Amino acid sequence: MADINNLFIRIAEKGLTAKIVSNDTGISTGNLSDWKKGRCLPGAENLERLADYLDCSIDYLVGRTDVPEVNRKK
């Protein structure tokens, strides 16, 4: 199972709130909350959207690497 803690670390590093992320990406704050609480995980489309938005790789968001730039979509 993926560990998406890096998603929330990246959001905090960028000084963003769930509301800002929601407004900018179209992903609901409810989804963000559910992911943070471990109720469910984001799908591939949302991971791609968040990786682009947060300027990092999907691998970073799902905990496969600690380096945000690895395998980043160009």
C-alpha atoms as a PDB file:
ATOM      1  CA  MET A   1       0.000   0.000   0.000  1.00  0.00           C
ATOM      2  CA  ALA A   2       1.247   3.480  -0.854  1.00  0.00           C
ATOM      3  CA  ASP A   3       2.383   5.859   1.846  1.00  0.00           C
ATOM      4  CA  ILE A   4       1.223   9.328   0.831  1.00  0.00           C
ATOM      5  CA  ASN A   5       2.695  11.263   3.759  1.00  0.00           C
ATOM      6  CA  ASN A   6       4.996  13.041   1.298  1.00  0.00           C
ATOM      7  CA  LEU A   7       1.920  14.567  -0.328  1.00  0.00           C
ATOM      8  CA  PHE A   8       1.060  16.385   2.865  1.00  0.00           C
ATOM      9  CA  ILE A   9       4.687  17.219   3.594  1.00  0.00           C
ATOM     10  CA  ARG A  10       4.953  18.839   0.156  1.00  0.00           C
ATOM     11  CA  ILE A  11       1.716  20.775   0.664  1.00  0.00           C
ATOM     12  CA  ALA A  12       3.042  22.109   3.988  1.00  0.00           C
ATOM     13  CA  GLU A  13       6.466  22.945   2.496  1.00  0.00           C
ATOM     14  CA  LYS A  14       4.765  25.069  -0.117  1.00  0.00           C
ATOM     15  CA  GLY A  15       2.714  26.847   2.565  1.00  0.00           C
ATOM     16  CA  LEU A  16      -0.581  25.660   1.122  1.00  0.00           C
ATOM     17  CA  THR A  17      -3.832  24.757   2.819  1.00  0.00           C
ATOM     18  CA  ALA A  18      -6.305  22.091   1.773  1.00  0.00           C
ATOM     19  CA  LYS A  19      -8.666  24.843   0.624  1.00  0.00           C
ATOM     20  CA  ILE A  20      -6.025  26.388  -1.643  1.00  0.00           C
ATOM     21  CA  VAL A  21      -5.081  22.988  -3.086  1.00  0.00           C
ATOM     22  CA  SER A  22      -8.758  22.237  -3.631  1.00  0.00           C
ATOM     23  CA  ASN A  23      -9.432  25.553  -5.368  1.00  0.00           C
ATOM     24  CA  ASP A  24      -6.365  25.233  -7.593  1.00  0.00           C
ATOM     25  CA  THR A  25      -6.727  21.546  -8.543  1.00  0.00           C
ATOM     26  CA  GLY A  26     -10.447  20.850  -8.329  1.00  0.00           C
ATOM     27  CA  ILE A  27      -9.801  18.052  -5.825  1.00  0.00           C
ATOM     28  CA  SER A  28     -12.245  18.335  -2.937  1.00  0.00           C
ATOM     29  CA  THR A  29     -11.105  19.112   0.583  1.00  0.00           C
ATOM     30  CA  GLY A  30     -13.079  16.025   1.620  1.00  0.00           C
ATOM     31  CA  ASN A  31     -10.889  13.834  -0.594  1.00  0.00           C
ATOM     32  CA  LEU A  32      -7.746  15.453   0.811  1.00  0.00           C
ATOM     33  CA  SER A  33      -9.018  14.860   4.341  1.00  0.00           C
ATOM     34  CA  ASP A  34      -9.883  11.213   3.621  1.00  0.00           C
ATOM     35  CA  TRP A  35      -6.420  10.626   2.158  1.00  0.00           C
ATOM     36  CA  LYS A  36      -4.713  12.273   5.109  1.00  0.00           C
ATOM     37  CA  LYS A  37      -6.704  10.128   7.560  1.00  0.00           C
ATOM     38  CA  GLY A  38      -5.903   6.978   5.585  1.00  0.00           C
ATOM     39  CA  ARG A  39      -9.521   6.237   4.698  1.00  0.00           C
ATOM     40  CA  CYS A  40      -8.628   5.815   1.042  1.00  0.00           C
ATOM     41  CA  LEU A  41      -5.908   6.699  -1.450  1.00  0.00           C
ATOM     42  CA  PRO A  42      -5.896   9.058  -4.426  1.00  0.00           C
ATOM     43  CA  GLY A  43      -6.258   7.548  -7.871  1.00  0.00           C
ATOM     44  CA  ALA A  44      -3.743   7.869 -10.683  1.00  0.00           C
ATOM     45  CA  GLU A  45      -5.433  10.910 -12.242  1.00  0.00           C
ATOM     46  CA  ASN A  46      -5.404  12.843  -8.966  1.00  0.00           C
ATOM     47  CA  LEU A  47      -1.806  11.815  -8.236  1.00  0.00           C
ATOM     48  CA  GLU A  48      -0.755  13.101 -11.653  1.00  0.00           C
ATOM     49  CA  ARG A  49      -2.647  16.363 -11.108  1.00  0.00           C
ATOM     50  CA  LEU A  50      -1.075  16.822  -7.657  1.00  0.00           C
ATOM     51  CA  ALA A  51       2.443  15.969  -8.843  1.00  0.00           C
ATOM     52  CA  ASP A  52       2.167  18.581 -11.592  1.00  0.00           C
ATOM     53  CA  TYR A  53       0.673  21.121  -9.196  1.00  0.00           C
ATOM     54  CA  LEU A  54       3.272  20.508  -6.469  1.00  0.00           C
ATOM     55  CA  ASP A  55       6.159  20.295  -8.973  1.00  0.00           C
ATOM     56  CA  CYS A  56       7.325  16.822  -7.950  1.00  0.00           C
ATOM     57  CA  SER A  57       7.115  13.212  -9.056  1.00  0.00           C
ATOM     58  CA  ILE A  58       4.318  10.788  -8.379  1.00  0.00           C
ATOM     59  CA  ASP A  59       6.982   8.454  -6.978  1.00  0.00           C
ATOM     60  CA  TYR A  60       7.749  11.100  -4.359  1.00  0.00           C
ATOM     61  CA  LEU A  61       4.081  11.571  -3.464  1.00  0.00           C
ATOM     62  CA  VAL A  62       3.558   7.843  -2.892  1.00  0.00           C
ATOM     63  CA  GLY A  63       6.737   7.380  -0.870  1.00  0.00           C
ATOM     64  CA  ARG A  64       8.818   5.466  -3.422  1.00  0.00           C
ATOM     65  CA  THR A  65      11.578   8.075  -3.097  1.00  0.00           C
ATOM     66  CA  ASP A  66      12.519  10.914  -0.782  1.00  0.00           C
ATOM     67  CA  VAL A  67      13.750  13.016  -3.703  1.00  0.00           C
ATOM     68  CA  PRO A  68      10.915  15.035  -5.224  1.00  0.00           C
ATOM     69  CA  GLU A  69      12.570  15.389  -8.639  1.00  0.00           C
ATOM     70  CA  VAL A  70      13.075  11.656  -9.366  1.00  0.00           C
ATOM     71  CA  ASN A  71      11.109  10.512 -12.426  1.00  0.00           C
ATOM     72  CA  ARG A  72       9.330  13.854 -12.638  1.00  0.00           C
ATOM     73  CA  LYS A  73       7.091  14.247 -15.664  1.00  0.00           C
ATOM     74  CA  LYS A  74       8.608  16.755 -18.114  1.00  0.00           C
END
